[in-house]
Each structure stands twice: as C-alpha cells, then as structure tokens.
Amino acid sequence: MPTISMFYGIIIRMYYFDNQQHSAPHIHVHYQGDSVIVEIPSGRILEGGIPSNKQKLVDAWVEIHKDELMADWELAINGESVFKIDPLK
C-alpha cells in the first residue's frame, strides 16, 4: 500500500490491484485513527470518514491532482509502481 502523498497529518495511499471491492478509481485517506475512501475524480466518499476540516483539504487536493491520481490508479491496478504526488501547500 504505497503512500502517494502526506500533508497536514493526512496520509494518502493507493493500493495495488485494488479494484475488486470498490471498482471505481479511489484513494485511501488516513488521518489519526480515522480513514475514508474517496472516489477519483468525483471526490465522492465511498466509505468511512475523517474530520470535515481535513476532508475539505483532501477534496481540494484531489481536485488539483485528478490527472495524476488517475494515472497512478492505472498503474496501481496493474501492479506497477505509482508516483508520489505533491502535497497540498
């Protein structure tokens, strides 16, 4: 489960071959003890939740990096190495 970005205590991960349970492209977001699965590119929450102020940061980050996230998704579902994506600044 590679970490593709980290910012403000938020960890963004994308798992290899992770298109079975949630067939839509998505990321796994962790903040302290909470986690959420966010669909790309819509930003829709598929499962879980994190504090709303952190979710807003994730939503902004996803919007900025949609193309890079989709490229990483294609790599990940094929078991290939994904690229790091710049954190939110």
Protein backbone atom coordinates (compact mmCIF):
# COMPACT_ATOMS: atom_id res chain seq x y z
CA MET A 1 0.00 0.00 0.00
CA PRO A 2 2.17 2.82 -1.24
CA THR A 3 1.84 6.26 0.28
CA ILE A 4 1.49 8.72 -2.58
CA SER A 5 1.25 11.93 -0.54
CA MET A 6 1.23 13.32 3.02
CA PHE A 7 0.19 16.76 4.25
CA TYR A 8 -1.19 18.28 7.46
CA GLY A 9 -1.18 14.87 9.18
CA ILE A 10 -3.16 13.31 6.32
CA ILE A 11 -1.76 10.22 4.60
CA ILE A 12 -2.94 9.34 1.09
CA ARG A 13 -2.48 5.77 -0.11
CA MET A 14 -3.32 3.81 -3.21
CA TYR A 15 -3.29 0.02 -3.05
CA TYR A 16 -2.13 -2.33 -5.80
CA PHE A 17 -4.82 -4.42 -7.54
CA ASP A 18 -7.49 -2.56 -5.51
CA ASN A 19 -10.38 -2.66 -7.97
CA GLN A 20 -12.42 -5.54 -6.54
CA GLN A 21 -14.45 -4.14 -3.61
CA HIS A 22 -14.69 -0.60 -4.99
CA SER A 23 -14.43 -0.88 -8.76
CA ALA A 24 -14.31 2.91 -9.19
CA PRO A 25 -10.89 4.59 -9.07
CA HIS A 26 -10.24 5.65 -5.47
CA ILE A 27 -7.72 6.56 -2.79
CA HIS A 28 -7.46 5.59 0.87
CA VAL A 29 -7.07 8.55 3.21
CA HIS A 30 -5.90 8.22 6.81
CA TYR A 31 -5.92 10.88 9.49
CA GLN A 32 -5.02 9.86 13.03
CA GLY A 33 -7.38 6.95 13.80
CA ASP A 34 -9.89 7.75 11.05
CA SER A 35 -9.97 6.71 7.41
CA VAL A 36 -12.03 7.39 4.34
CA ILE A 37 -12.12 6.01 0.81
CA VAL A 38 -12.58 8.74 -1.80
CA GLU A 39 -13.57 8.18 -5.41
CA ILE A 40 -11.49 9.78 -8.14
CA PRO A 41 -12.32 12.04 -9.95
CA SER A 42 -15.71 12.87 -8.36
CA GLY A 43 -14.41 13.20 -4.79
CA ARG A 44 -17.43 11.20 -3.56
CA ILE A 45 -16.90 9.38 -0.27
CA LEU A 46 -17.28 5.63 -0.77
CA GLU A 47 -16.68 4.56 2.80
CA GLY A 48 -15.62 5.94 6.19
CA GLY A 49 -14.99 9.49 7.28
CA ILE A 50 -12.44 11.93 8.65
CA PRO A 51 -12.97 15.31 10.35
CA SER A 52 -14.69 17.73 7.99
CA ASN A 53 -11.87 20.29 8.02
CA LYS A 54 -9.43 17.55 6.91
CA GLN A 55 -11.90 16.25 4.32
CA LYS A 56 -12.03 19.73 2.77
CA LEU A 57 -8.23 19.66 2.40
CA VAL A 58 -8.43 16.23 0.76
CA ASP A 59 -11.19 17.42 -1.59
CA ALA A 60 -9.04 20.39 -2.70
CA TRP A 61 -6.00 18.14 -3.17
CA VAL A 62 -8.00 15.62 -5.27
CA GLU A 63 -9.37 18.43 -7.45
CA ILE A 64 -5.86 19.78 -8.09
CA HIS A 65 -4.32 16.37 -8.83
CA LYS A 66 -7.10 14.48 -10.68
CA ASP A 67 -4.99 13.69 -13.74
CA GLU A 68 -2.03 12.45 -11.69
CA LEU A 69 -4.33 10.37 -9.49
CA MET A 70 -5.96 8.72 -12.49
CA ALA A 71 -2.54 7.94 -13.96
CA ASP A 72 -1.44 6.40 -10.64
CA TRP A 73 -4.70 4.40 -10.49
CA GLU A 74 -3.99 2.82 -13.87
CA LEU A 75 -0.50 1.87 -12.69
CA ALA A 76 -1.74 0.52 -9.34
CA ILE A 77 -4.48 -1.72 -10.70
CA ASN A 78 -1.88 -3.28 -12.99
CA GLY A 79 0.52 -3.84 -10.09
CA GLU A 80 3.01 -1.25 -11.30
CA SER A 81 4.81 1.30 -9.11
CA VAL A 82 2.91 4.51 -8.55
CA PHE A 83 4.36 8.00 -8.44
CA LYS A 84 4.40 10.36 -5.45
CA ILE A 85 2.13 13.37 -5.81
CA ASP A 86 2.96 16.79 -4.38
CA PRO A 87 1.31 17.56 -1.06
CA LEU A 88 -1.15 20.38 -0.50
CA LYS A 89 0.74 23.51 0.47
